[in-house]
Amino acid sequence: MSEISQKDNKEKAQDTVLVWREDNIATVVLNRPEKLNAFNLAMWHDLGTVMLELGDDDSVRCVIIRGAGGRAFAAGADIAEFKKVRFSSQQAADYAKPMDRAADAIRQCPHPTLAFIEGACMGGGLEIAAQCDLRIANKSARFGIPINKIGNVLPYPAMIALVGLVGRSVTMELLLEGRIFSAEEAYIKGLIGRIVDNDLAEAEVYNSARRIAQGAPLVARWHKKHAARAQDPTPLTEQELAQPFLCCDTADYKEGITAFLEKRKPCFRGE
């Protein structure tokens, strides 16, 4: 972990989810390294709350989600607590509510989201990563949802996200075989967009976040909204077809054009 990571970890070691800020980039850290960041009920609650708060903060331009400790993004769910909180259909339905809240908060976050995947990315970890806009993994990353081995079924929100990301065939391969994918196989099959050497991965993730943050924030939000709408087969209305051109009325657009002509970096304010 970076120096700032170590410092904040010491200050807030009891929290299941940490938030670091570097200018307009927020880093959300799944913080149960002793359990390879496996999700318990508290972590699902905390992740949803953190993501909703960041979504309401217009000063944020990119959100990175990562795991603490460097050995795992998140190694699925903490099965040790299942007999207490997830041992009947009613308990499972109640348990799913904070899960859905966290997943929705990531998917609907107006700011670009980037999953930085080191080591194990299993079960709920992969469900969360699939909700992000971008996924960058190191070469040690491993991916899977082997819930067939405990008799569990993937909830619909996670199923929809996975099928949307990699299609039915790869989703079925993950769920029916319960096999673990290497980073290379995950890349080939579209689960991740980039693989980076272990010692270079963190730098590449934050460089990617800075490139995102340097762009016009209103444009990033529009692109996220329009990409989500593009997955809906309902025909676009005339009003929707006109929405992309509204950017030309923004101060950021005028600044971008002016800066290009003046051969300087633009200063976008989200206006």
Protein backbone atom coordinates (compact mmCIF):
# COMPACT_ATOMS: atom_id res chain seq x y z
CA MET A 1 0.00 0.00 0.00
CA SER A 2 1.02 3.60 -0.49
CA GLU A 3 2.21 5.81 2.34
CA ILE A 4 -1.17 7.56 2.63
CA SER A 5 -2.89 4.15 2.70
CA GLN A 6 -0.79 2.99 5.63
CA LYS A 7 -1.37 6.21 7.54
CA ASP A 8 -5.14 6.17 7.17
CA ASN A 9 -5.30 2.45 7.91
CA LYS A 10 -3.70 3.05 11.31
CA GLU A 11 -6.14 5.84 12.11
CA LYS A 12 -9.30 3.92 11.16
CA ALA A 13 -8.35 0.27 11.53
CA GLN A 14 -11.73 -0.63 13.07
CA ASP A 15 -13.80 0.47 10.06
CA THR A 16 -14.93 -2.07 7.47
CA VAL A 17 -14.82 0.55 4.70
CA LEU A 18 -12.33 3.42 4.53
CA VAL A 19 -12.34 6.51 2.32
CA TRP A 20 -9.22 8.39 1.26
CA ARG A 21 -9.23 11.59 -0.75
CA GLU A 22 -6.52 12.95 -3.03
CA ASP A 23 -7.83 16.15 -4.60
CA ASN A 24 -10.89 15.11 -6.63
CA ILE A 25 -10.17 11.36 -6.57
CA ALA A 26 -11.77 9.26 -3.81
CA THR A 27 -10.48 5.81 -2.87
CA VAL A 28 -12.91 3.43 -1.17
CA VAL A 29 -11.12 0.62 0.67
CA LEU A 30 -12.75 -2.66 1.66
CA ASN A 31 -11.03 -3.06 4.99
CA ARG A 32 -11.11 -6.58 6.44
CA PRO A 33 -7.62 -7.73 5.39
CA GLU A 34 -7.51 -10.43 8.05
CA LYS A 35 -10.47 -12.04 6.22
CA LEU A 36 -9.17 -11.19 2.73
CA ASN A 37 -11.82 -8.42 2.76
CA ALA A 38 -14.68 -10.93 2.71
CA PHE A 39 -18.00 -9.16 3.06
CA ASN A 40 -19.92 -9.32 6.29
CA LEU A 41 -23.24 -7.58 6.82
CA ALA A 42 -21.60 -4.49 8.31
CA MET A 43 -19.36 -4.06 5.28
CA TRP A 44 -22.34 -4.18 2.89
CA HIS A 45 -24.07 -1.47 4.96
CA ASP A 46 -20.93 0.67 5.14
CA LEU A 47 -20.12 0.36 1.44
CA GLY A 48 -23.61 1.48 0.45
CA THR A 49 -23.47 4.47 2.80
CA VAL A 50 -20.01 5.53 1.61
CA MET A 51 -20.94 5.28 -2.07
CA LEU A 52 -24.17 7.23 -1.62
CA GLU A 53 -22.26 10.00 0.18
CA LEU A 54 -19.61 10.16 -2.54
CA GLY A 55 -22.30 10.18 -5.23
CA ASP A 56 -23.76 13.33 -3.68
CA ASP A 57 -20.37 15.09 -3.59
CA ASP A 58 -19.92 17.12 -6.79
CA SER A 59 -16.25 17.73 -5.99
CA VAL A 60 -15.50 14.04 -6.71
CA ARG A 61 -14.47 13.18 -10.27
CA CYS A 62 -13.47 9.52 -9.92
CA VAL A 63 -13.98 6.79 -7.32
CA ILE A 64 -11.51 3.91 -6.98
CA ILE A 65 -12.64 0.79 -5.10
CA ARG A 66 -9.93 -1.54 -3.81
CA GLY A 67 -9.20 -4.01 -1.02
CA ALA A 68 -6.90 -3.49 1.95
CA GLY A 69 -3.76 -5.54 2.40
CA GLY A 70 -2.81 -6.18 -1.23
CA ARG A 71 -3.81 -9.89 -1.17
CA ALA A 72 -7.47 -9.56 -2.17
CA PHE A 73 -10.02 -7.20 -3.61
CA ALA A 74 -12.68 -9.17 -1.73
CA ALA A 75 -12.75 -12.94 -1.24
CA GLY A 76 -16.54 -13.22 -1.44
CA ALA A 77 -18.78 -13.30 1.61
CA ASP A 78 -17.83 -14.16 5.19
CA ILE A 79 -19.55 -17.55 5.35
CA ALA A 80 -18.73 -17.80 9.08
CA GLU A 81 -21.69 -15.50 9.83
CA PHE A 82 -24.19 -17.23 7.52
CA LYS A 83 -25.76 -19.44 10.19
CA LYS A 84 -26.71 -16.30 12.10
CA VAL A 85 -27.78 -13.96 9.31
CA ARG A 86 -28.35 -15.99 6.13
CA PHE A 87 -29.68 -19.44 7.01
CA SER A 88 -33.25 -19.25 5.70
CA SER A 89 -34.96 -17.74 2.68
CA GLN A 90 -36.31 -14.85 4.77
CA GLN A 91 -32.90 -14.15 6.27
CA ALA A 92 -31.34 -14.29 2.81
CA ALA A 93 -33.89 -11.82 1.46
CA ASP A 94 -33.18 -9.44 4.35
CA TYR A 95 -29.42 -9.89 3.89
CA ALA A 96 -29.78 -8.99 0.20
CA LYS A 97 -31.19 -5.53 0.95
CA PRO A 98 -27.87 -3.93 1.99
CA MET A 99 -26.15 -5.86 -0.80
CA ASP A 100 -28.53 -4.40 -3.38
CA ARG A 101 -28.19 -0.94 -1.83
CA ALA A 102 -24.39 -1.08 -2.17
CA ALA A 103 -24.51 -2.44 -5.72
CA ASP A 104 -27.08 0.17 -6.77
CA ALA A 105 -25.02 2.96 -5.20
CA ILE A 106 -21.99 1.91 -7.25
CA ARG A 107 -23.88 1.38 -10.50
CA GLN A 108 -25.83 4.63 -10.15
CA CYS A 109 -22.91 6.71 -8.88
CA PRO A 110 -22.76 9.78 -11.17
CA HIS A 111 -18.96 9.78 -11.01
CA PRO A 112 -16.80 7.27 -12.92
CA THR A 113 -15.92 4.21 -10.82
CA LEU A 114 -12.81 2.08 -11.16
CA ALA A 115 -12.20 -1.28 -9.47
CA PHE A 116 -8.53 -1.92 -8.63
CA ILE A 117 -8.30 -5.70 -8.28
CA GLU A 118 -5.38 -7.33 -6.49
CA GLY A 119 -5.46 -11.02 -5.64
CA ALA A 120 -8.78 -12.73 -4.91
CA CYS A 121 -11.92 -11.25 -6.44
CA MET A 122 -14.58 -13.81 -5.59
CA GLY A 123 -18.33 -13.94 -5.06
CA GLY A 124 -19.53 -10.62 -3.71
CA GLY A 125 -16.20 -9.06 -4.64
CA LEU A 126 -16.74 -9.88 -8.30
CA GLU A 127 -20.36 -8.75 -8.04
CA ILE A 128 -19.15 -5.34 -6.83
CA ALA A 129 -16.37 -5.10 -9.42
CA ALA A 130 -18.90 -5.84 -12.16
CA GLN A 131 -20.89 -2.76 -11.14
CA CYS A 132 -17.90 -0.46 -11.72
CA ASP A 133 -17.29 1.38 -15.00
CA LEU A 134 -13.69 0.16 -15.33
CA ARG A 135 -11.74 -2.78 -13.90
CA ILE A 136 -7.93 -2.92 -13.74
CA ALA A 137 -6.24 -6.00 -12.24
CA ASN A 138 -2.74 -7.01 -11.33
CA LYS A 139 -1.30 -10.27 -12.62
CA SER A 140 -1.98 -12.01 -9.30
CA ALA A 141 -5.73 -11.39 -9.53
CA ARG A 142 -8.09 -14.37 -9.52
CA PHE A 143 -11.81 -14.34 -10.29
CA GLY A 144 -14.71 -16.64 -9.53
CA ILE A 145 -18.17 -17.15 -8.05
CA PRO A 146 -18.02 -20.77 -6.80
CA ILE A 147 -21.33 -20.58 -4.92
CA ASN A 148 -22.52 -23.86 -6.41
CA LYS A 149 -20.15 -25.47 -3.89
CA ILE A 150 -22.24 -24.15 -0.95
CA GLY A 151 -25.66 -24.58 -2.55
CA ASN A 152 -26.21 -20.84 -3.02
CA VAL A 153 -27.88 -18.98 -5.91
CA LEU A 154 -26.75 -15.66 -7.39
CA PRO A 155 -29.30 -12.88 -6.78
CA TYR A 156 -30.88 -11.24 -9.82
CA PRO A 157 -29.10 -7.83 -9.56
CA ALA A 158 -25.71 -9.55 -9.68
CA MET A 159 -26.87 -11.87 -12.47
CA ILE A 160 -28.04 -8.92 -14.55
CA ALA A 161 -24.74 -7.09 -14.04
CA LEU A 162 -22.63 -10.11 -14.99
CA VAL A 163 -24.65 -11.06 -18.06
CA GLY A 164 -24.52 -7.43 -19.15
CA LEU A 165 -20.75 -7.37 -18.70
CA VAL A 166 -19.61 -10.70 -20.19
CA GLY A 167 -22.73 -12.34 -21.65
CA ARG A 168 -24.69 -15.45 -20.70
CA SER A 169 -22.04 -17.98 -21.75
CA VAL A 170 -19.21 -16.69 -19.55
CA THR A 171 -21.62 -16.08 -16.67
CA MET A 172 -22.77 -19.69 -16.88
CA GLU A 173 -19.15 -20.85 -16.98
CA LEU A 174 -18.48 -19.00 -13.74
CA LEU A 175 -21.62 -20.26 -12.00
CA LEU A 176 -22.05 -23.81 -13.31
CA GLU A 177 -18.40 -24.87 -13.10
CA GLY A 178 -17.48 -22.74 -10.11
CA ARG A 179 -14.02 -22.49 -11.67
CA ILE A 180 -11.48 -19.79 -10.82
CA PHE A 181 -10.23 -17.60 -13.69
CA SER A 182 -6.70 -16.25 -13.86
CA ALA A 183 -6.23 -12.57 -14.64
CA GLU A 184 -5.33 -13.48 -18.23
CA GLU A 185 -8.47 -15.56 -18.73
CA ALA A 186 -10.61 -12.88 -17.09
CA TYR A 187 -9.17 -10.34 -19.52
CA ILE A 188 -9.78 -12.53 -22.55
CA LYS A 189 -13.37 -13.11 -21.47
CA GLY A 190 -14.08 -9.45 -20.79
CA LEU A 191 -14.31 -9.44 -16.99
CA ILE A 192 -11.51 -6.86 -16.76
CA GLY A 193 -10.23 -4.24 -19.14
CA ARG A 194 -6.53 -4.22 -18.26
CA ILE A 195 -3.86 -6.39 -16.61
CA VAL A 196 -0.77 -4.72 -15.16
CA ASP A 197 2.37 -6.15 -13.53
CA ASN A 198 2.00 -6.37 -9.75
CA ASP A 199 4.59 -3.70 -9.01
CA LEU A 200 3.11 -1.25 -11.54
CA ALA A 201 -0.61 -1.84 -11.04
CA GLU A 202 -1.30 0.72 -8.31
CA ALA A 203 0.46 3.49 -10.26
CA GLU A 204 -1.48 2.62 -13.41
CA VAL A 205 -4.81 2.67 -11.56
CA TYR A 206 -4.17 6.12 -10.12
CA ASN A 207 -2.85 7.40 -13.45
CA SER A 208 -6.08 6.18 -15.02
CA ALA A 209 -8.11 7.94 -12.34
CA ARG A 210 -6.19 11.17 -12.93
CA ARG A 211 -6.85 10.97 -16.67
CA ILE A 212 -10.56 10.58 -15.88
CA ALA A 213 -10.49 13.44 -13.37
CA GLN A 214 -8.82 15.77 -15.87
CA GLY A 215 -11.75 15.40 -18.26
CA ALA A 216 -14.94 17.44 -18.14
CA PRO A 217 -16.96 16.03 -15.20
CA LEU A 218 -20.36 16.82 -16.70
CA VAL A 219 -19.37 14.91 -19.82
CA ALA A 220 -18.33 11.88 -17.74
CA ARG A 221 -21.73 11.90 -16.02
CA TRP A 222 -23.59 12.22 -19.32
CA HIS A 223 -21.58 9.39 -20.85
CA LYS A 224 -22.42 7.12 -17.89
CA LYS A 225 -26.10 8.00 -18.15
CA HIS A 226 -26.25 7.51 -21.91
CA ALA A 227 -24.31 4.21 -21.80
CA ALA A 228 -26.84 2.86 -19.30
CA ARG A 229 -29.70 4.05 -21.51
CA ALA A 230 -28.11 2.40 -24.53
CA GLN A 231 -28.66 -0.99 -22.87
CA ASP A 232 -32.41 -0.35 -22.74
CA PRO A 233 -34.08 -1.59 -25.97
CA THR A 234 -36.87 0.97 -25.67
CA PRO A 235 -36.66 3.44 -28.61
CA LEU A 236 -35.09 6.78 -27.77
CA THR A 237 -37.38 9.79 -27.64
CA GLU A 238 -36.67 13.00 -29.54
CA GLN A 239 -35.80 14.65 -26.23
CA GLU A 240 -33.29 11.90 -25.41
CA LEU A 241 -31.72 12.11 -28.86
CA ALA A 242 -31.15 15.83 -28.28
CA GLN A 243 -29.55 15.40 -24.84
CA PRO A 244 -25.94 14.87 -26.01
CA PHE A 245 -25.93 18.29 -27.66
CA LEU A 246 -26.77 20.07 -24.39
CA CYS A 247 -23.06 19.89 -23.54
CA CYS A 248 -22.49 22.69 -26.06
CA ASP A 249 -24.30 25.09 -23.72
CA THR A 250 -21.98 24.40 -20.79
CA ALA A 251 -19.11 26.58 -19.63
CA ASP A 252 -16.87 23.47 -19.69
CA TYR A 253 -17.48 22.96 -23.41
CA LYS A 254 -16.61 26.58 -24.18
CA GLU A 255 -13.51 26.29 -21.97
CA GLY A 256 -12.48 23.07 -23.72
CA ILE A 257 -12.77 24.56 -27.20
CA THR A 258 -10.99 27.76 -26.16
CA ALA A 259 -8.18 25.85 -24.45
CA PHE A 260 -7.70 23.64 -27.50
CA LEU A 261 -7.39 26.64 -29.79
CA GLU A 262 -5.05 28.39 -27.34
CA LYS A 263 -2.96 25.19 -27.02
CA ARG A 264 -3.26 24.96 -23.24
CA LYS A 265 -4.78 22.56 -20.73
CA PRO A 266 -8.46 23.22 -20.04
CA CYS A 267 -9.69 24.06 -16.54
CA PHE A 268 -13.02 22.30 -16.16
CA ARG A 269 -15.29 23.38 -13.31
CA GLY A 270 -18.29 21.17 -13.86
CA GLU A 271 -20.44 24.06 -15.05
